[in-house]
PDB file of N, CA and C in Angstrom:
ATOM      1  N   MET A   1      -1.490 -29.024  47.940  1.00  0.00           N
ATOM      2  CA  MET A   1      -1.299 -29.370  49.325  1.00  0.00           C
ATOM      3  C   MET A   1      -2.360 -28.721  50.180  1.00  0.00           C
ATOM      4  N   LEU A   2      -2.984 -29.454  51.029  1.00  0.00           N
ATOM      5  CA  LEU A   2      -3.955 -28.883  51.948  1.00  0.00           C
ATOM      6  C   LEU A   2      -3.279 -28.502  53.247  1.00  0.00           C
ATOM      7  N   LYS A   3      -3.691 -27.356  53.784  1.00  0.00           N
ATOM      8  CA  LYS A   3      -3.090 -26.870  55.045  1.00  0.00           C
ATOM      9  C   LYS A   3      -3.341 -27.839  56.250  1.00  0.00           C
ATOM     10  N   CYS A   4      -4.497 -28.562  56.200  1.00  0.00           N
ATOM     11  CA  CYS A   4      -4.832 -29.406  57.304  1.00  0.00           C
ATOM     12  C   CYS A   4      -3.987 -30.663  57.382  1.00  0.00           C
ATOM     13  N   TRP A   5      -3.263 -30.957  56.307  1.00  0.00           N
ATOM     14  CA  TRP A   5      -2.418 -32.182  56.320  1.00  0.00           C
ATOM     15  C   TRP A   5      -1.371 -32.095  57.386  1.00  0.00           C
ATOM     16  N   LYS A   6      -0.902 -30.912  57.669  1.00  0.00           N
ATOM     17  CA  LYS A   6       0.186 -30.823  58.705  1.00  0.00           C
ATOM     18  C   LYS A   6      -0.282 -31.257  60.071  1.00  0.00           C
ATOM     19  N   ASP A   7      -1.619 -31.284  60.265  1.00  0.00           N
ATOM     20  CA  ASP A   7      -2.181 -31.748  61.583  1.00  0.00           C
ATOM     21  C   ASP A   7      -2.273 -33.308  61.705  1.00  0.00           C
ATOM     22  N   VAL A   8      -2.135 -33.978  60.572  1.00  0.00           N
ATOM     23  CA  VAL A   8      -2.175 -35.414  60.618  1.00  0.00           C
ATOM     24  C   VAL A   8      -0.853 -35.983  61.050  1.00  0.00           C
ATOM     25  N   PRO A   9      -0.852 -36.828  62.067  1.00  0.00           N
ATOM     26  CA  PRO A   9       0.399 -37.366  62.541  1.00  0.00           C
ATOM     27  C   PRO A   9       1.175 -38.166  61.442  1.00  0.00           C
ATOM     28  N   GLY A  10       2.421 -37.891  61.355  1.00  0.00           N
ATOM     29  CA  GLY A  10       3.264 -38.582  60.395  1.00  0.00           C
ATOM     30  C   GLY A  10       3.506 -37.862  59.079  1.00  0.00           C
ATOM     31  N   TYR A  11       2.735 -36.759  58.913  1.00  0.00           N
ATOM     32  CA  TYR A  11       2.793 -36.044  57.598  1.00  0.00           C
ATOM     33  C   TYR A  11       4.200 -35.435  57.335  1.00  0.00           C
ATOM     34  N   ASN A  12       4.752 -34.819  58.314  1.00  0.00           N
ATOM     35  CA  ASN A  12       6.066 -34.155  58.126  1.00  0.00           C
ATOM     36  C   ASN A  12       7.126 -35.247  57.856  1.00  0.00           C
ATOM     37  N   LEU A  13       7.136 -36.334  58.599  1.00  0.00           N
ATOM     38  CA  LEU A  13       8.097 -37.410  58.379  1.00  0.00           C
ATOM     39  C   LEU A  13       7.907 -38.001  56.985  1.00  0.00           C
ATOM     40  N   PHE A  14       6.659 -38.225  56.602  1.00  0.00           N
ATOM     41  CA  PHE A  14       6.380 -38.782  55.231  1.00  0.00           C
ATOM     42  C   PHE A  14       7.001 -37.901  54.155  1.00  0.00           C
ATOM     43  N   VAL A  15       6.730 -36.648  54.228  1.00  0.00           N
ATOM     44  CA  VAL A  15       7.182 -35.688  53.191  1.00  0.00           C
ATOM     45  C   VAL A  15       8.711 -35.636  53.157  1.00  0.00           C
ATOM     46  N   ARG A  16       9.356 -35.582  54.383  1.00  0.00           N
ATOM     47  CA  ARG A  16      10.817 -35.522  54.458  1.00  0.00           C
ATOM     48  C   ARG A  16      11.430 -36.755  53.885  1.00  0.00           C
ATOM     49  N   ASP A  17      10.860 -37.940  54.226  1.00  0.00           N
ATOM     50  CA  ASP A  17      11.498 -39.191  53.743  1.00  0.00           C
ATOM     51  C   ASP A  17      11.291 -39.331  52.258  1.00  0.00           C
ATOM     52  N   LYS A  18      10.167 -38.986  51.726  1.00  0.00           N
ATOM     53  CA  LYS A  18       9.895 -39.112  50.295  1.00  0.00           C
ATOM     54  C   LYS A  18      10.824 -38.147  49.546  1.00  0.00           C
ATOM     55  N   TRP A  19      10.877 -36.902  50.018  1.00  0.00           N
ATOM     56  CA  TRP A  19      11.675 -35.879  49.340  1.00  0.00           C
ATOM     57  C   TRP A  19      13.156 -36.313  49.253  1.00  0.00           C
ATOM     58  N   ASN A  20      13.639 -36.821  50.346  1.00  0.00           N
ATOM     59  CA  ASN A  20      15.038 -37.256  50.346  1.00  0.00           C
ATOM     60  C   ASN A  20      15.348 -38.516  49.551  1.00  0.00           C
ATOM     61  N   SER A  21      14.272 -39.322  49.309  1.00  0.00           N
ATOM     62  CA  SER A  21      14.491 -40.558  48.605  1.00  0.00           C
ATOM     63  C   SER A  21      14.493 -40.337  47.052  1.00  0.00           C
ATOM     64  N   PHE A  22      13.940 -39.264  46.569  1.00  0.00           N
ATOM     65  CA  PHE A  22      13.928 -38.985  45.157  1.00  0.00           C
ATOM     66  C   PHE A  22      15.318 -38.616  44.693  1.00  0.00           C
ATOM     67  N   GLN A  23      15.793 -39.222  43.610  1.00  0.00           N
ATOM     68  CA  GLN A  23      17.098 -38.915  43.012  1.00  0.00           C
ATOM     69  C   GLN A  23      16.852 -38.412  41.603  1.00  0.00           C
ATOM     70  N   VAL A  24      17.102 -37.202  41.396  1.00  0.00           N
ATOM     71  CA  VAL A  24      16.960 -36.555  40.079  1.00  0.00           C
ATOM     72  C   VAL A  24      18.242 -35.875  39.717  1.00  0.00           C
ATOM     73  N   ASP A  25      18.659 -36.043  38.480  1.00  0.00           N
ATOM     74  CA  ASP A  25      19.920 -35.417  37.994  1.00  0.00           C
ATOM     75  C   ASP A  25      19.540 -34.270  37.110  1.00  0.00           C
ATOM     76  N   GLY A  26      20.322 -33.210  37.130  1.00  0.00           N
ATOM     77  CA  GLY A  26      20.097 -32.054  36.257  1.00  0.00           C
ATOM     78  C   GLY A  26      20.387 -30.740  37.012  1.00  0.00           C
ATOM     79  N   TRP A  27      20.047 -29.662  36.406  1.00  0.00           N
ATOM     80  CA  TRP A  27      20.310 -28.387  37.068  1.00  0.00           C
ATOM     81  C   TRP A  27      19.233 -28.162  38.117  1.00  0.00           C
ATOM     82  N   GLY A  28      19.452 -27.206  39.026  1.00  0.00           N
ATOM     83  CA  GLY A  28      18.634 -27.005  40.174  1.00  0.00           C
ATOM     84  C   GLY A  28      17.146 -26.824  39.968  1.00  0.00           C
ATOM     85  N   GLY A  29      16.801 -25.991  38.963  1.00  0.00           N
ATOM     86  CA  GLY A  29      15.368 -25.738  38.690  1.00  0.00           C
ATOM     87  C   GLY A  29      14.660 -27.025  38.187  1.00  0.00           C
ATOM     88  N   TYR A  30      15.352 -27.770  37.316  1.00  0.00           N
ATOM     89  CA  TYR A  30      14.775 -29.016  36.821  1.00  0.00           C
ATOM     90  C   TYR A  30      14.569 -30.004  37.970  1.00  0.00           C
ATOM     91  N   VAL A  31      15.554 -30.144  38.882  1.00  0.00           N
ATOM     92  CA  VAL A  31      15.479 -31.064  39.969  1.00  0.00           C
ATOM     93  C   VAL A  31      14.327 -30.709  40.871  1.00  0.00           C
ATOM     94  N   LEU A  32      14.171 -29.426  41.131  1.00  0.00           N
ATOM     95  CA  LEU A  32      13.074 -28.946  42.037  1.00  0.00           C
ATOM     96  C   LEU A  32      11.689 -29.273  41.343  1.00  0.00           C
ATOM     97  N   LYS A  33      11.596 -28.962  40.083  1.00  0.00           N
ATOM     98  CA  LYS A  33      10.354 -29.238  39.346  1.00  0.00           C
ATOM     99  C   LYS A  33       9.977 -30.748  39.371  1.00  0.00           C
ATOM    100  N   GLU A  34      10.979 -31.583  39.086  1.00  0.00           N
ATOM    101  CA  GLU A  34      10.708 -32.995  39.059  1.00  0.00           C
ATOM    102  C   GLU A  34      10.348 -33.534  40.458  1.00  0.00           C
ATOM    103  N   LYS A  35      11.057 -33.053  41.490  1.00  0.00           N
ATOM    104  CA  LYS A  35      10.772 -33.542  42.834  1.00  0.00           C
ATOM    105  C   LYS A  35       9.356 -33.105  43.240  1.00  0.00           C
ATOM    106  N   LEU A  36       8.963 -31.872  42.879  1.00  0.00           N
ATOM    107  CA  LEU A  36       7.577 -31.408  43.198  1.00  0.00           C
ATOM    108  C   LEU A  36       6.511 -32.273  42.507  1.00  0.00           C
ATOM    109  N   LYS A  37       6.787 -32.613  41.294  1.00  0.00           N
ATOM    110  CA  LYS A  37       5.852 -33.529  40.581  1.00  0.00           C
ATOM    111  C   LYS A  37       5.742 -34.900  41.257  1.00  0.00           C
ATOM    112  N   MET A  38       6.928 -35.396  41.680  1.00  0.00           N
ATOM    113  CA  MET A  38       6.895 -36.710  42.341  1.00  0.00           C
ATOM    114  C   MET A  38       6.242 -36.678  43.733  1.00  0.00           C
ATOM    115  N   ILE A  39       6.498 -35.602  44.451  1.00  0.00           N
ATOM    116  CA  ILE A  39       5.884 -35.468  45.795  1.00  0.00           C
ATOM    117  C   ILE A  39       4.388 -35.252  45.651  1.00  0.00           C
ATOM    118  N   LYS A  40       3.954 -34.629  44.601  1.00  0.00           N
ATOM    119  CA  LYS A  40       2.482 -34.434  44.382  1.00  0.00           C
ATOM    120  C   LYS A  40       1.813 -35.822  44.205  1.00  0.00           C
ATOM    121  N   ALA A  41       2.394 -36.652  43.404  1.00  0.00           N
ATOM    122  CA  ALA A  41       1.822 -37.984  43.190  1.00  0.00           C
ATOM    123  C   ALA A  41       1.841 -38.836  44.483  1.00  0.00           C
ATOM    124  N   GLU A  42       2.890 -38.743  45.263  1.00  0.00           N
ATOM    125  CA  GLU A  42       2.991 -39.448  46.530  1.00  0.00           C
ATOM    126  C   GLU A  42       1.967 -38.929  47.520  1.00  0.00           C
ATOM    127  N   LEU A  43       1.802 -37.558  47.577  1.00  0.00           N
ATOM    128  CA  LEU A  43       0.824 -36.987  48.498  1.00  0.00           C
ATOM    129  C   LEU A  43      -0.603 -37.354  48.127  1.00  0.00           C
ATOM    130  N   SER A  44      -0.883 -37.526  46.860  1.00  0.00           N
ATOM    131  CA  SER A  44      -2.181 -37.901  46.465  1.00  0.00           C
ATOM    132  C   SER A  44      -2.569 -39.270  47.037  1.00  0.00           C
ATOM    133  N   GLY A  45      -1.671 -40.233  46.993  1.00  0.00           N
ATOM    134  CA  GLY A  45      -1.885 -41.547  47.572  1.00  0.00           C
ATOM    135  C   GLY A  45      -1.966 -41.494  49.085  1.00  0.00           C
ATOM    136  N   TRP A  46      -1.095 -40.651  49.656  1.00  0.00           N
ATOM    137  CA  TRP A  46      -1.080 -40.517  51.131  1.00  0.00           C
ATOM    138  C   TRP A  46      -2.420 -39.890  51.591  1.00  0.00           C
ATOM    139  N   HIS A  47      -2.941 -38.977  50.829  1.00  0.00           N
ATOM    140  CA  HIS A  47      -4.206 -38.315  51.182  1.00  0.00           C
ATOM    141  C   HIS A  47      -5.370 -39.336  51.151  1.00  0.00           C
ATOM    142  N   ARG A  48      -5.324 -40.207  50.090  1.00  0.00           N
ATOM    143  CA  ARG A  48      -6.360 -41.238  50.036  1.00  0.00           C
ATOM    144  C   ARG A  48      -6.327 -42.176  51.228  1.00  0.00           C
ATOM    145  N   ASP A  49      -5.096 -42.576  51.648  1.00  0.00           N
ATOM    146  CA  ASP A  49      -4.933 -43.523  52.701  1.00  0.00           C
ATOM    147  C   ASP A  49      -5.301 -42.944  54.030  1.00  0.00           C
ATOM    148  N   HIS A  50      -5.022 -41.663  54.288  1.00  0.00           N
ATOM    149  CA  HIS A  50      -5.248 -41.074  55.603  1.00  0.00           C
ATOM    150  C   HIS A  50      -6.544 -40.329  55.802  1.00  0.00           C
ATOM    151  N   THR A  51      -7.156 -39.969  54.751  1.00  0.00           N
ATOM    152  CA  THR A  51      -8.412 -39.187  54.872  1.00  0.00           C
ATOM    153  C   THR A  51      -9.613 -39.876  54.203  1.00  0.00           C
ATOM    154  N   GLN A  52      -9.436 -41.117  53.805  1.00  0.00           N
ATOM    155  CA  GLN A  52     -10.544 -41.790  53.140  1.00  0.00           C
ATOM    156  C   GLN A  52     -11.608 -42.204  54.200  1.00  0.00           C
ATOM    157  N   ASN A  53     -12.808 -42.119  53.779  1.00  0.00           N
ATOM    158  CA  ASN A  53     -13.927 -42.535  54.630  1.00  0.00           C
ATOM    159  C   ASN A  53     -14.017 -41.804  55.969  1.00  0.00           C
ATOM    160  N   LEU A  54     -13.699 -40.547  56.006  1.00  0.00           N
ATOM    161  CA  LEU A  54     -13.840 -39.792  57.216  1.00  0.00           C
ATOM    162  C   LEU A  54     -15.217 -39.832  57.808  1.00  0.00           C
ATOM    163  N   PRO A  55     -16.292 -39.673  57.026  1.00  0.00           N
ATOM    164  CA  PRO A  55     -17.617 -39.750  57.605  1.00  0.00           C
ATOM    165  C   PRO A  55     -17.929 -41.124  58.279  1.00  0.00           C
ATOM    166  N   SER A  56     -17.528 -42.174  57.650  1.00  0.00           N
ATOM    167  CA  SER A  56     -17.808 -43.482  58.293  1.00  0.00           C
ATOM    168  C   SER A  56     -16.943 -43.671  59.502  1.00  0.00           C
ATOM    169  N   ARG A  57     -15.699 -43.181  59.512  1.00  0.00           N
ATOM    170  CA  ARG A  57     -14.902 -43.311  60.726  1.00  0.00           C
ATOM    171  C   ARG A  57     -15.494 -42.486  61.876  1.00  0.00           C
ATOM    172  N   ILE A  58     -16.052 -41.306  61.526  1.00  0.00           N
ATOM    173  CA  ILE A  58     -16.682 -40.488  62.567  1.00  0.00           C
ATOM    174  C   ILE A  58     -17.897 -41.199  63.073  1.00  0.00           C
ATOM    175  N   ASP A  59     -18.735 -41.772  62.197  1.00  0.00           N
ATOM    176  CA  ASP A  59     -19.928 -42.497  62.602  1.00  0.00           C
ATOM    177  C   ASP A  59     -19.608 -43.673  63.530  1.00  0.00           C
ATOM    178  N   LYS A  60     -18.532 -44.416  63.226  1.00  0.00           N
ATOM    179  CA  LYS A  60     -18.174 -45.511  64.122  1.00  0.00           C
ATOM    180  C   LYS A  60     -17.812 -45.007  65.464  1.00  0.00           C
ATOM    181  N   LEU A  61     -17.064 -43.928  65.565  1.00  0.00           N
ATOM    182  CA  LEU A  61     -16.684 -43.312  66.825  1.00  0.00           C
ATOM    183  C   LEU A  61     -17.894 -42.821  67.576  1.00  0.00           C
ATOM    184  N   LYS A  62     -18.854 -42.261  66.854  1.00  0.00           N
ATOM    185  CA  LYS A  62     -20.067 -41.774  67.523  1.00  0.00           C
ATOM    186  C   LYS A  62     -20.859 -42.946  68.093  1.00  0.00           C
ATOM    187  N   GLY A  63     -20.845 -44.054  67.385  1.00  0.00           N
ATOM    188  CA  GLY A  63     -21.528 -45.275  67.890  1.00  0.00           C
ATOM    189  C   GLY A  63     -20.868 -45.766  69.184  1.00  0.00           C
ATOM    190  N   ARG A  64     -19.543 -45.743  69.156  1.00  0.00           N
ATOM    191  CA  ARG A  64     -18.804 -46.194  70.380  1.00  0.00           C
ATOM    192  C   ARG A  64     -19.078 -45.221  71.534  1.00  0.00           C
ATOM    193  N   LEU A  65     -19.166 -43.911  71.224  1.00  0.00           N
ATOM    194  CA  LEU A  65     -19.384 -42.882  72.219  1.00  0.00           C
ATOM    195  C   LEU A  65     -20.849 -43.076  72.797  1.00  0.00           C
ATOM    196  N   SER A  66     -21.806 -43.456  71.964  1.00  0.00           N
ATOM    197  CA  SER A  66     -23.142 -43.687  72.447  1.00  0.00           C
ATOM    198  C   SER A  66     -23.144 -44.839  73.339  1.00  0.00           C
ATOM    199  N   VAL A  67     -22.463 -45.934  73.040  1.00  0.00           N
ATOM    200  CA  VAL A  67     -22.412 -47.110  73.917  1.00  0.00           C
ATOM    201  C   VAL A  67     -21.841 -46.753  75.259  1.00  0.00           C
ATOM    202  N   LEU A  68     -20.740 -46.031  75.233  1.00  0.00           N
ATOM    203  CA  LEU A  68     -20.159 -45.630  76.548  1.00  0.00           C
ATOM    204  C   LEU A  68     -21.036 -44.692  77.325  1.00  0.00           C
ATOM    205  N   ASP A  69     -21.718 -43.741  76.629  1.00  0.00           N
ATOM    206  CA  ASP A  69     -22.649 -42.892  77.325  1.00  0.00           C
ATOM    207  C   ASP A  69     -23.772 -43.646  77.997  1.00  0.00           C
ATOM    208  N   GLU A  70     -24.370 -44.621  77.280  1.00  0.00           N
ATOM    209  CA  GLU A  70     -25.480 -45.442  77.852  1.00  0.00           C
ATOM    210  C   GLU A  70     -24.985 -46.249  79.044  1.00  0.00           C
ATOM    211  N   LYS A  71     -23.737 -46.764  78.926  1.00  0.00           N
ATOM    212  CA  LYS A  71     -23.208 -47.539  80.030  1.00  0.00           C
ATOM    213  C   LYS A  71     -22.970 -46.606  81.224  1.00  0.00           C
ATOM    214  N   GLY A  72     -22.548 -45.418  80.992  1.00  0.00           N
ATOM    215  CA  GLY A  72     -22.259 -44.447  82.045  1.00  0.00           C
ATOM    216  C   GLY A  72     -23.489 -44.006  82.753  1.00  0.00           C
ATOM    217  N   GLU A  73     -24.630 -43.995  82.022  1.00  0.00           N
ATOM    218  CA  GLU A  73     -25.877 -43.634  82.688  1.00  0.00           C
ATOM    219  C   GLU A  73     -26.403 -44.717  83.593  1.00  0.00           C
ATOM    220  N   GLU A  74     -26.077 -45.983  83.284  1.00  0.00           N
ATOM    221  CA  GLU A  74     -26.573 -47.135  84.052  1.00  0.00           C
ATOM    222  C   GLU A  74     -25.672 -47.389  85.304  1.00  0.00           C
ATOM    223  N   GLU A  75     -24.356 -47.247  85.111  1.00  0.00           N
ATOM    224  CA  GLU A  75     -23.371 -47.540  86.195  1.00  0.00           C
ATOM    225  C   GLU A  75     -22.199 -46.606  86.030  1.00  0.00           C
ATOM    226  N   ASN A  76     -21.318 -46.599  87.066  1.00  0.00           N
ATOM    227  CA  ASN A  76     -20.128 -45.845  86.947  1.00  0.00           C
ATOM    228  C   ASN A  76     -19.132 -46.512  86.013  1.00  0.00           C
ATOM    229  N   LEU A  77     -18.497 -45.661  85.190  1.00  0.00           N
ATOM    230  CA  LEU A  77     -17.444 -46.158  84.290  1.00  0.00           C
ATOM    231  C   LEU A  77     -16.146 -46.392  84.991  1.00  0.00           C
ATOM    232  N   SER A  78     -15.410 -47.382  84.552  1.00  0.00           N
ATOM    233  CA  SER A  78     -14.052 -47.631  85.111  1.00  0.00           C
ATOM    234  C   SER A  78     -13.136 -46.582  84.554  1.00  0.00           C
ATOM    235  N   GLU A  79     -11.889 -46.504  85.096  1.00  0.00           N
ATOM    236  CA  GLU A  79     -10.879 -45.608  84.675  1.00  0.00           C
ATOM    237  C   GLU A  79     -10.543 -45.792  83.168  1.00  0.00           C
ATOM    238  N   GLU A  80     -10.478 -47.045  82.750  1.00  0.00           N
ATOM    239  CA  GLU A  80     -10.155 -47.350  81.360  1.00  0.00           C
ATOM    240  C   GLU A  80     -11.279 -46.837  80.460  1.00  0.00           C
ATOM    241  N   GLU A  81     -12.530 -47.046  80.881  1.00  0.00           N
ATOM    242  CA  GLU A  81     -13.626 -46.608  80.070  1.00  0.00           C
ATOM    243  C   GLU A  81     -13.694 -45.081  79.997  1.00  0.00           C
ATOM    244  N   LEU A  82     -13.383 -44.427  81.138  1.00  0.00           N
ATOM    245  CA  LEU A  82     -13.398 -42.959  81.079  1.00  0.00           C
ATOM    246  C   LEU A  82     -12.275 -42.448  80.160  1.00  0.00           C
ATOM    247  N   ALA A  83     -11.145 -43.092  80.178  1.00  0.00           N
ATOM    248  CA  ALA A  83     -10.033 -42.660  79.324  1.00  0.00           C
ATOM    249  C   ALA A  83     -10.496 -42.913  77.854  1.00  0.00           C
ATOM    250  N   GLU A  84     -11.146 -44.072  77.557  1.00  0.00           N
ATOM    251  CA  GLU A  84     -11.595 -44.345  76.215  1.00  0.00           C
ATOM    252  C   GLU A  84     -12.642 -43.324  75.799  1.00  0.00           C
ATOM    253  N   LEU A  85     -13.510 -42.943  76.745  1.00  0.00           N
ATOM    254  CA  LEU A  85     -14.580 -41.925  76.445  1.00  0.00           C
ATOM    255  C   LEU A  85     -13.920 -40.607  76.012  1.00  0.00           C
ATOM    256  N   HIS A  86     -12.948 -40.170  76.785  1.00  0.00           N
ATOM    257  CA  HIS A  86     -12.237 -38.964  76.463  1.00  0.00           C
ATOM    258  C   HIS A  86     -11.482 -39.052  75.134  1.00  0.00           C
ATOM    259  N   GLY A  87     -10.854 -40.201  74.915  1.00  0.00           N
ATOM    260  CA  GLY A  87     -10.141 -40.418  73.636  1.00  0.00           C
ATOM    261  C   GLY A  87     -11.076 -40.450  72.463  1.00  0.00           C
ATOM    262  N   VAL A  88     -12.231 -41.081  72.551  1.00  0.00           N
ATOM    263  CA  VAL A  88     -13.192 -41.114  71.457  1.00  0.00           C
ATOM    264  C   VAL A  88     -13.729 -39.723  71.212  1.00  0.00           C
ATOM    265  N   THR A  89     -14.006 -38.953  72.271  1.00  0.00           N
ATOM    266  CA  THR A  89     -14.470 -37.589  72.085  1.00  0.00           C
ATOM    267  C   THR A  89     -13.459 -36.740  71.358  1.00  0.00           C
ATOM    268  N   TYR A  90     -12.262 -36.878  71.731  1.00  0.00           N
ATOM    269  CA  TYR A  90     -11.112 -36.105  71.114  1.00  0.00           C
ATOM    270  C   TYR A  90     -10.975 -36.536  69.685  1.00  0.00           C
ATOM    271  N   ASP A  91     -11.081 -37.845  69.385  1.00  0.00           N
ATOM    272  CA  ASP A  91     -10.933 -38.326  67.960  1.00  0.00           C
ATOM    273  C   ASP A  91     -12.103 -37.823  67.087  1.00  0.00           C
ATOM    274  N   ILE A  92     -13.282 -37.823  67.650  1.00  0.00           N
ATOM    275  CA  ILE A  92     -14.422 -37.293  66.895  1.00  0.00           C
ATOM    276  C   ILE A  92     -14.239 -35.851  66.560  1.00  0.00           C
ATOM    277  N   HIS A  93     -13.797 -35.093  67.567  1.00  0.00           N
ATOM    278  CA  HIS A  93     -13.567 -33.645  67.329  1.00  0.00           C
ATOM    279  C   HIS A  93     -12.453 -33.399  66.281  1.00  0.00           C
ATOM    280  N   SER A  94     -11.375 -34.085  66.408  1.00  0.00           N
ATOM    281  CA  SER A  94     -10.267 -33.831  65.494  1.00  0.00           C
ATOM    282  C   SER A  94     -10.616 -34.284  64.048  1.00  0.00           C
ATOM    283  N   LEU A  95     -11.259 -35.458  63.910  1.00  0.00           N
ATOM    284  CA  LEU A  95     -11.637 -35.929  62.566  1.00  0.00           C
ATOM    285  C   LEU A  95     -12.683 -35.032  61.944  1.00  0.00           C
ATOM    286  N   SER A  96     -13.660 -34.533  62.780  1.00  0.00           N
ATOM    287  CA  SER A  96     -14.677 -33.597  62.224  1.00  0.00           C
ATOM    288  C   SER A  96     -14.005 -32.297  61.734  1.00  0.00           C
ATOM    289  N   ARG A  97     -13.062 -31.815  62.524  1.00  0.00           N
ATOM    290  CA  ARG A  97     -12.361 -30.597  62.179  1.00  0.00           C
ATOM    291  C   ARG A  97     -11.537 -30.841  60.875  1.00  0.00           C
ATOM    292  N   LEU A  98     -10.924 -31.994  60.744  1.00  0.00           N
ATOM    293  CA  LEU A  98     -10.182 -32.319  59.576  1.00  0.00           C
ATOM    294  C   LEU A  98     -11.069 -32.386  58.381  1.00  0.00           C
ATOM    295  N   GLN A  99     -12.205 -33.046  58.507  1.00  0.00           N
ATOM    296  CA  GLN A  99     -13.183 -33.153  57.362  1.00  0.00           C
ATOM    297  C   GLN A  99     -13.675 -31.798  56.937  1.00  0.00           C
ATOM    298  N   ALA A 100     -14.006 -30.934  57.971  1.00  0.00           N
ATOM    299  CA  ALA A 100     -14.478 -29.595  57.573  1.00  0.00           C
ATOM    300  C   ALA A 100     -13.414 -28.806  56.856  1.00  0.00           C
ATOM    301  N   SER A 101     -12.174 -28.936  57.338  1.00  0.00           N
ATOM    302  CA  SER A 101     -11.076 -28.222  56.704  1.00  0.00           C
ATOM    303  C   SER A 101     -10.798 -28.662  55.265  1.00  0.00           C
ATOM    304  N   ILE A 102     -10.853 -29.993  55.129  1.00  0.00           N
ATOM    305  CA  ILE A 102     -10.654 -30.538  53.754  1.00  0.00           C
ATOM    306  C   ILE A 102     -11.757 -30.089  52.819  1.00  0.00           C
ATOM    307  N   SER A 103     -12.989 -30.128  53.256  1.00  0.00           N
ATOM    308  CA  SER A 103     -14.127 -29.742  52.439  1.00  0.00           C
ATOM    309  C   SER A 103     -14.033 -28.231  52.052  1.00  0.00           C
ATOM    310  N   TRP A 104     -13.672 -27.424  53.005  1.00  0.00           N
ATOM    311  CA  TRP A 104     -13.599 -25.959  52.769  1.00  0.00           C
ATOM    312  C   TRP A 104     -12.467 -25.677  51.744  1.00  0.00           C
ATOM    313  N   GLN A 105     -11.359 -26.317  51.933  1.00  0.00           N
ATOM    314  CA  GLN A 105     -10.186 -26.021  51.046  1.00  0.00           C
ATOM    315  C   GLN A 105     -10.419 -26.567  49.674  1.00  0.00           C
ATOM    316  N   GLN A 106     -11.127 -27.745  49.533  1.00  0.00           N
ATOM    317  CA  GLN A 106     -11.379 -28.236  48.185  1.00  0.00           C
ATOM    318  C   GLN A 106     -12.454 -27.391  47.510  1.00  0.00           C
ATOM    319  N   SER A 107     -13.407 -26.919  48.245  1.00  0.00           N
ATOM    320  CA  SER A 107     -14.432 -26.107  47.606  1.00  0.00           C
ATOM    321  C   SER A 107     -13.848 -24.748  47.195  1.00  0.00           C
ATOM    322  N   ARG A 108     -12.939 -24.246  47.972  1.00  0.00           N
ATOM    323  CA  ARG A 108     -12.268 -22.974  47.674  1.00  0.00           C
ATOM    324  C   ARG A 108     -11.378 -23.154  46.413  1.00  0.00           C
ATOM    325  N   SER A 109     -10.701 -24.298  46.384  1.00  0.00           N
ATOM    326  CA  SER A 109      -9.856 -24.549  45.190  1.00  0.00           C
ATOM    327  C   SER A 109     -10.673 -24.673  43.955  1.00  0.00           C
ATOM    328  N   LEU A 110     -11.817 -25.363  44.029  1.00  0.00           N
ATOM    329  CA  LEU A 110     -12.697 -25.485  42.877  1.00  0.00           C
ATOM    330  C   LEU A 110     -13.205 -24.105  42.439  1.00  0.00           C
ATOM    331  N   TRP A 111     -13.615 -23.291  43.405  1.00  0.00           N
ATOM    332  CA  TRP A 111     -14.088 -21.943  43.162  1.00  0.00           C
ATOM    333  C   TRP A 111     -13.029 -21.136  42.426  1.00  0.00           C
ATOM    334  N   LEU A 112     -11.767 -21.213  42.832  1.00  0.00           N
ATOM    335  CA  LEU A 112     -10.708 -20.488  42.224  1.00  0.00           C
ATOM    336  C   LEU A 112     -10.446 -20.948  40.810  1.00  0.00           C
ATOM    337  N   LYS A 113     -10.570 -22.266  40.573  1.00  0.00           N
ATOM    338  CA  LYS A 113     -10.393 -22.833  39.223  1.00  0.00           C
ATOM    339  C   LYS A 113     -11.524 -22.408  38.287  1.00  0.00           C
ATOM    340  N   GLU A 114     -12.756 -22.635  38.680  1.00  0.00           N
ATOM    341  CA  GLU A 114     -13.880 -22.511  37.817  1.00  0.00           C
ATOM    342  C   GLU A 114     -14.653 -21.162  37.911  1.00  0.00           C
ATOM    343  N   GLY A 115     -14.410 -20.491  38.999  1.00  0.00           N
ATOM    344  CA  GLY A 115     -15.170 -19.265  39.246  1.00  0.00           C
ATOM    345  C   GLY A 115     -16.583 -19.549  39.732  1.00  0.00           C
ATOM    346  N   ASP A 116     -17.443 -18.600  39.696  1.00  0.00           N
ATOM    347  CA  ASP A 116     -18.803 -18.849  40.056  1.00  0.00           C
ATOM    348  C   ASP A 116     -19.765 -18.252  39.020  1.00  0.00           C
ATOM    349  N   ALA A 117     -21.007 -18.206  39.280  1.00  0.00           N
ATOM    350  CA  ALA A 117     -22.006 -17.677  38.372  1.00  0.00           C
ATOM    351  C   ALA A 117     -21.795 -16.247  37.987  1.00  0.00           C
ATOM    352  N   ASN A 118     -21.163 -15.478  38.857  1.00  0.00           N
ATOM    353  CA  ASN A 118     -21.010 -14.012  38.572  1.00  0.00           C
ATOM    354  C   ASN A 118     -19.687 -13.710  37.854  1.00  0.00           C
ATOM    355  N   SER A 119     -18.796 -14.662  37.718  1.00  0.00           N
ATOM    356  CA  SER A 119     -17.525 -14.428  37.107  1.00  0.00           C
ATOM    357  C   SER A 119     -17.589 -13.878  35.692  1.00  0.00           C
ATOM    358  N   LYS A 120     -18.497 -14.414  34.890  1.00  0.00           N
ATOM    359  CA  LYS A 120     -18.625 -13.948  33.518  1.00  0.00           C
ATOM    360  C   LYS A 120     -19.085 -12.510  33.483  1.00  0.00           C
ATOM    361  N   TYR A 121     -19.979 -12.153  34.336  1.00  0.00           N
ATOM    362  CA  TYR A 121     -20.535 -10.782  34.402  1.00  0.00           C
ATOM    363  C   TYR A 121     -19.379  -9.788  34.716  1.00  0.00           C
ATOM    364  N   PHE A 122     -18.629 -10.058  35.736  1.00  0.00           N
ATOM    365  CA  PHE A 122     -17.607  -9.139  36.193  1.00  0.00           C
ATOM    366  C   PHE A 122     -16.382  -9.078  35.281  1.00  0.00           C
ATOM    367  N   HIS A 123     -16.104 -10.205  34.561  1.00  0.00           N
ATOM    368  CA  HIS A 123     -14.904 -10.218  33.753  1.00  0.00           C
ATOM    369  C   HIS A 123     -15.172 -10.055  32.259  1.00  0.00           C
ATOM    370  N   SER A 124     -16.365  -9.648  31.892  1.00  0.00           N
ATOM    371  CA  SER A 124     -16.657  -9.459  30.482  1.00  0.00           C
ATOM    372  C   SER A 124     -16.529  -7.979  30.054  1.00  0.00           C
TER     373      SER A 124
END
């Protein structure tokens, strides 16, 4: 589980609904283990759906921001365009932060699994 997922709208509801929908029989520890395995598989698919193509989504938003900026330099923007400008700026910021967080957490996870070039030296 990545910490940044909690910032994505709908994450808590998704996890709660999936967790409650799983029906597993057995003693408590077995039920917990099986539910965690099932939720892991569901979260993998959810992650692909909600964080796929972040760079291209950011690039599209930057293109729209550029269009609005150019239009704003030529003439005054309407209230709707100003609201869209603020919304696009907010979306770019939040998606960029999400992408950076995902990249950092995944690289940290890989480093913990595989170690680095110095691991053999210090652990031998």
